[in-house]
Amino acid sequence: MKLVPLFDRVVLKQLVAEETTASGIVLPGQAKEKPSQAEVVAVGPGGVVDGKEIKMQVKVGDKVIYSKYAGTEVELDKEEYIVVKQNDILAVIE
């Protein structure tokens, strides 16, 4: 199965959370903050959304930072993905 986003939607796969702090302290499961960094795995075609032309500015393989509470979490083939609108993506990591 494959997720194919519509309009200005983007499918993200969350990057792994850090398990140790910069000073070397190992974090237990509950203390790990959900990362807001992800890799783009699928991009919608863009098009006209609410009467405005939307051009997609991210591509598959980009590493991005997205809004903390954005999107819808989806599980497919035992993998977890997040489907967000393009405007919920804050930056591309280069």
N, C-alpha and C. Protein backbone atom coordinates (compact mmCIF):
# COMPACT_ATOMS: atom_id res chain seq x y z
N MET A 1 0.83 -1.19 0.00
CA MET A 1 0.00 0.00 0.00
C MET A 1 0.87 1.24 0.00
N LYS A 2 0.33 2.32 -0.53
CA LYS A 2 1.09 3.55 -0.65
C LYS A 2 0.17 4.74 -0.37
N LEU A 3 0.67 5.72 0.37
CA LEU A 3 -0.10 6.94 0.63
C LEU A 3 0.16 7.94 -0.49
N VAL A 4 -0.91 8.44 -1.10
CA VAL A 4 -0.79 9.45 -2.15
C VAL A 4 -1.58 10.67 -1.68
N PRO A 5 -0.90 11.75 -1.27
CA PRO A 5 -1.60 12.92 -0.75
C PRO A 5 -2.30 13.70 -1.86
N LEU A 6 -3.38 14.37 -1.51
CA LEU A 6 -4.14 15.20 -2.43
C LEU A 6 -3.85 16.67 -2.20
N PHE A 7 -4.06 17.48 -3.21
CA PHE A 7 -3.93 18.94 -3.16
C PHE A 7 -2.60 19.38 -2.54
N ASP A 8 -2.66 20.16 -1.45
CA ASP A 8 -1.42 20.72 -0.86
C ASP A 8 -0.96 19.92 0.36
N ARG A 9 -1.30 18.64 0.40
CA ARG A 9 -0.91 17.79 1.53
C ARG A 9 0.47 17.18 1.30
N VAL A 10 1.16 16.89 2.42
CA VAL A 10 2.49 16.29 2.39
C VAL A 10 2.51 15.16 3.41
N VAL A 11 3.07 14.01 3.05
CA VAL A 11 3.20 12.88 3.97
C VAL A 11 4.62 12.90 4.53
N LEU A 12 4.72 12.88 5.88
CA LEU A 12 6.01 12.96 6.56
C LEU A 12 6.25 11.69 7.37
N LYS A 13 7.51 11.31 7.49
CA LYS A 13 7.91 10.23 8.39
C LYS A 13 8.80 10.87 9.44
N GLN A 14 8.36 10.79 10.67
CA GLN A 14 9.07 11.44 11.77
C GLN A 14 10.47 10.88 11.94
N LEU A 15 11.44 11.77 12.18
CA LEU A 15 12.80 11.33 12.46
C LEU A 15 12.87 10.80 13.88
N VAL A 16 13.83 9.95 14.17
CA VAL A 16 13.96 9.31 15.48
C VAL A 16 14.30 10.35 16.55
N ALA A 17 13.62 10.25 17.69
CA ALA A 17 13.87 11.16 18.82
C ALA A 17 15.23 10.88 19.44
N GLU A 18 15.87 11.93 19.91
CA GLU A 18 17.15 11.78 20.59
C GLU A 18 16.93 11.05 21.91
N GLU A 19 17.80 10.10 22.21
CA GLU A 19 17.67 9.35 23.46
C GLU A 19 18.63 9.84 24.54
N THR A 20 19.59 10.69 24.16
CA THR A 20 20.50 11.27 25.15
C THR A 20 20.58 12.77 24.92
N THR A 21 20.83 13.50 25.99
CA THR A 21 20.99 14.94 25.89
C THR A 21 22.40 15.26 25.44
N ALA A 22 22.67 16.53 25.15
CA ALA A 22 24.00 16.95 24.72
C ALA A 22 25.06 16.65 25.78
N SER A 23 24.65 16.65 27.05
CA SER A 23 25.59 16.37 28.14
C SER A 23 25.74 14.87 28.42
N GLY A 24 25.00 14.01 27.67
CA GLY A 24 25.16 12.58 27.82
C GLY A 24 24.16 11.89 28.72
N ILE A 25 23.13 12.60 29.19
CA ILE A 25 22.12 12.00 30.06
C ILE A 25 21.15 11.21 29.20
N VAL A 26 20.91 9.95 29.57
CA VAL A 26 19.99 9.09 28.83
C VAL A 26 18.57 9.40 29.29
N LEU A 27 17.67 9.65 28.32
CA LEU A 27 16.29 10.00 28.64
C LEU A 27 15.39 8.77 28.63
N PRO A 28 14.54 8.61 29.65
CA PRO A 28 13.56 7.51 29.61
C PRO A 28 12.48 7.81 28.58
N GLY A 29 11.68 6.81 28.22
CA GLY A 29 10.66 6.95 27.19
C GLY A 29 9.72 8.12 27.35
N GLN A 30 9.23 8.36 28.58
CA GLN A 30 8.26 9.44 28.79
C GLN A 30 8.89 10.82 28.66
N ALA A 31 10.18 10.95 28.92
CA ALA A 31 10.82 12.27 28.93
C ALA A 31 11.20 12.73 27.53
N LYS A 32 11.21 11.81 26.57
CA LYS A 32 11.59 12.19 25.21
C LYS A 32 10.50 13.06 24.62
N GLU A 33 10.89 14.21 24.09
CA GLU A 33 9.92 15.08 23.44
C GLU A 33 9.71 14.61 22.02
N LYS A 34 8.48 14.64 21.57
CA LYS A 34 8.16 14.24 20.22
C LYS A 34 8.89 15.19 19.26
N PRO A 35 9.71 14.65 18.36
CA PRO A 35 10.47 15.53 17.48
C PRO A 35 9.55 16.24 16.48
N SER A 36 9.93 17.43 16.08
CA SER A 36 9.16 18.16 15.08
C SER A 36 9.93 18.19 13.77
N GLN A 37 10.84 17.23 13.60
CA GLN A 37 11.59 17.08 12.36
C GLN A 37 11.15 15.80 11.69
N ALA A 38 11.06 15.85 10.36
CA ALA A 38 10.60 14.69 9.62
C ALA A 38 11.18 14.70 8.22
N GLU A 39 11.04 13.55 7.56
CA GLU A 39 11.46 13.44 6.17
C GLU A 39 10.21 13.36 5.31
N VAL A 40 10.21 14.06 4.18
CA VAL A 40 9.08 14.06 3.26
C VAL A 40 9.11 12.75 2.47
N VAL A 41 8.00 11.98 2.52
CA VAL A 41 7.93 10.72 1.78
C VAL A 41 6.97 10.78 0.60
N ALA A 42 6.06 11.76 0.58
CA ALA A 42 5.15 11.93 -0.56
C ALA A 42 4.64 13.37 -0.57
N VAL A 43 4.41 13.89 -1.76
CA VAL A 43 3.96 15.28 -1.91
C VAL A 43 2.76 15.31 -2.86
N GLY A 44 1.73 16.05 -2.47
CA GLY A 44 0.56 16.21 -3.33
C GLY A 44 0.89 17.06 -4.55
N PRO A 45 -0.03 17.13 -5.49
CA PRO A 45 0.23 17.86 -6.73
C PRO A 45 0.10 19.38 -6.63
N GLY A 46 -0.42 19.88 -5.52
CA GLY A 46 -0.68 21.32 -5.43
C GLY A 46 -1.99 21.62 -6.12
N GLY A 47 -2.04 22.71 -6.86
CA GLY A 47 -3.26 23.06 -7.58
C GLY A 47 -3.96 24.23 -6.93
N VAL A 48 -5.26 24.34 -7.19
CA VAL A 48 -6.05 25.44 -6.64
C VAL A 48 -6.73 24.97 -5.36
N VAL A 49 -6.42 25.65 -4.24
CA VAL A 49 -7.02 25.34 -2.95
C VAL A 49 -7.64 26.62 -2.42
N ASP A 50 -8.93 26.60 -2.14
CA ASP A 50 -9.68 27.78 -1.67
C ASP A 50 -9.49 28.97 -2.60
N GLY A 51 -9.47 28.72 -3.90
CA GLY A 51 -9.37 29.79 -4.88
C GLY A 51 -7.98 30.35 -5.09
N LYS A 52 -6.97 29.76 -4.44
CA LYS A 52 -5.59 30.24 -4.59
C LYS A 52 -4.73 29.15 -5.21
N GLU A 53 -3.85 29.54 -6.12
CA GLU A 53 -2.93 28.60 -6.75
C GLU A 53 -1.84 28.22 -5.75
N ILE A 54 -1.67 26.93 -5.51
CA ILE A 54 -0.67 26.44 -4.55
C ILE A 54 0.42 25.70 -5.33
N LYS A 55 1.66 26.17 -5.20
CA LYS A 55 2.81 25.51 -5.80
C LYS A 55 3.55 24.80 -4.67
N MET A 56 3.84 23.52 -4.86
CA MET A 56 4.51 22.75 -3.82
C MET A 56 5.99 23.15 -3.74
N GLN A 57 6.44 23.44 -2.52
CA GLN A 57 7.80 23.93 -2.30
C GLN A 57 8.72 22.90 -1.67
N VAL A 58 8.20 21.71 -1.36
CA VAL A 58 9.02 20.64 -0.81
C VAL A 58 8.98 19.47 -1.78
N LYS A 59 9.96 18.59 -1.66
CA LYS A 59 10.01 17.40 -2.53
C LYS A 59 10.34 16.19 -1.68
N VAL A 60 10.11 15.02 -2.22
CA VAL A 60 10.39 13.77 -1.53
C VAL A 60 11.88 13.73 -1.17
N GLY A 61 12.16 13.36 0.07
CA GLY A 61 13.54 13.28 0.55
C GLY A 61 13.99 14.49 1.36
N ASP A 62 13.25 15.61 1.27
CA ASP A 62 13.59 16.81 2.06
C ASP A 62 13.43 16.50 3.54
N LYS A 63 14.30 17.04 4.37
CA LYS A 63 14.17 17.01 5.83
C LYS A 63 13.54 18.35 6.21
N VAL A 64 12.47 18.31 7.00
CA VAL A 64 11.73 19.52 7.32
C VAL A 64 11.43 19.63 8.81
N ILE A 65 11.09 20.83 9.22
CA ILE A 65 10.58 21.10 10.57
C ILE A 65 9.13 21.51 10.39
N TYR A 66 8.23 20.89 11.17
CA TYR A 66 6.81 21.19 11.03
C TYR A 66 6.22 21.62 12.37
N SER A 67 5.06 22.23 12.33
CA SER A 67 4.37 22.70 13.54
C SER A 67 4.11 21.53 14.48
N LYS A 68 4.29 21.78 15.76
CA LYS A 68 4.24 20.73 16.77
C LYS A 68 2.93 19.94 16.78
N TYR A 69 1.80 20.60 16.65
CA TYR A 69 0.50 19.91 16.73
C TYR A 69 -0.19 19.80 15.38
N ALA A 70 0.59 19.83 14.31
CA ALA A 70 0.02 19.80 12.96
C ALA A 70 -0.26 18.39 12.49
N GLY A 71 -1.20 18.28 11.58
CA GLY A 71 -1.39 17.06 10.84
C GLY A 71 -2.21 15.97 11.49
N THR A 72 -2.30 14.88 10.75
CA THR A 72 -3.04 13.70 11.18
C THR A 72 -2.10 12.52 11.14
N GLU A 73 -2.02 11.79 12.25
CA GLU A 73 -1.15 10.62 12.31
C GLU A 73 -1.86 9.44 11.67
N VAL A 74 -1.11 8.68 10.85
CA VAL A 74 -1.65 7.54 10.12
C VAL A 74 -0.69 6.37 10.26
N GLU A 75 -1.23 5.17 10.47
CA GLU A 75 -0.38 3.98 10.51
C GLU A 75 -0.72 3.13 9.29
N LEU A 76 0.32 2.76 8.54
CA LEU A 76 0.14 1.97 7.33
C LEU A 76 1.28 0.97 7.24
N ASP A 77 0.96 -0.31 7.12
CA ASP A 77 1.97 -1.38 7.07
C ASP A 77 2.95 -1.29 8.25
N LYS A 78 2.42 -1.06 9.44
CA LYS A 78 3.19 -0.97 10.70
C LYS A 78 4.19 0.18 10.71
N GLU A 79 4.01 1.16 9.84
CA GLU A 79 4.83 2.38 9.83
C GLU A 79 3.92 3.54 10.18
N GLU A 80 4.46 4.51 10.93
CA GLU A 80 3.67 5.68 11.29
C GLU A 80 4.06 6.87 10.43
N TYR A 81 3.05 7.57 9.93
CA TYR A 81 3.25 8.74 9.08
C TYR A 81 2.39 9.88 9.62
N ILE A 82 2.72 11.09 9.19
CA ILE A 82 1.93 12.27 9.53
C ILE A 82 1.58 12.97 8.23
N VAL A 83 0.30 13.25 8.02
CA VAL A 83 -0.15 13.96 6.83
C VAL A 83 -0.45 15.39 7.25
N VAL A 84 0.28 16.35 6.65
CA VAL A 84 0.13 17.77 6.99
C VAL A 84 -0.14 18.58 5.74
N LYS A 85 -0.69 19.77 5.93
CA LYS A 85 -0.79 20.72 4.82
C LYS A 85 0.59 21.36 4.66
N GLN A 86 0.89 21.78 3.44
CA GLN A 86 2.20 22.38 3.18
C GLN A 86 2.46 23.59 4.09
N ASN A 87 1.42 24.38 4.40
CA ASN A 87 1.66 25.57 5.23
C ASN A 87 1.95 25.24 6.70
N ASP A 88 1.84 23.95 7.10
CA ASP A 88 2.24 23.54 8.44
C ASP A 88 3.73 23.23 8.52
N ILE A 89 4.39 23.21 7.35
CA ILE A 89 5.84 23.00 7.32
C ILE A 89 6.50 24.36 7.49
N LEU A 90 7.37 24.46 8.51
CA LEU A 90 7.97 25.74 8.86
C LEU A 90 9.28 26.00 8.12
N ALA A 91 10.08 24.94 7.87
CA ALA A 91 11.38 25.14 7.25
C ALA A 91 11.89 23.84 6.65
N VAL A 92 12.79 23.97 5.68
CA VAL A 92 13.50 22.82 5.10
C VAL A 92 14.90 22.84 5.68
N ILE A 93 15.38 21.69 6.15
CA ILE A 93 16.72 21.59 6.73
C ILE A 93 17.70 21.26 5.60
N GLU A 94 18.71 22.10 5.43
CA GLU A 94 19.70 21.87 4.37
C GLU A 94 21.01 21.40 4.95
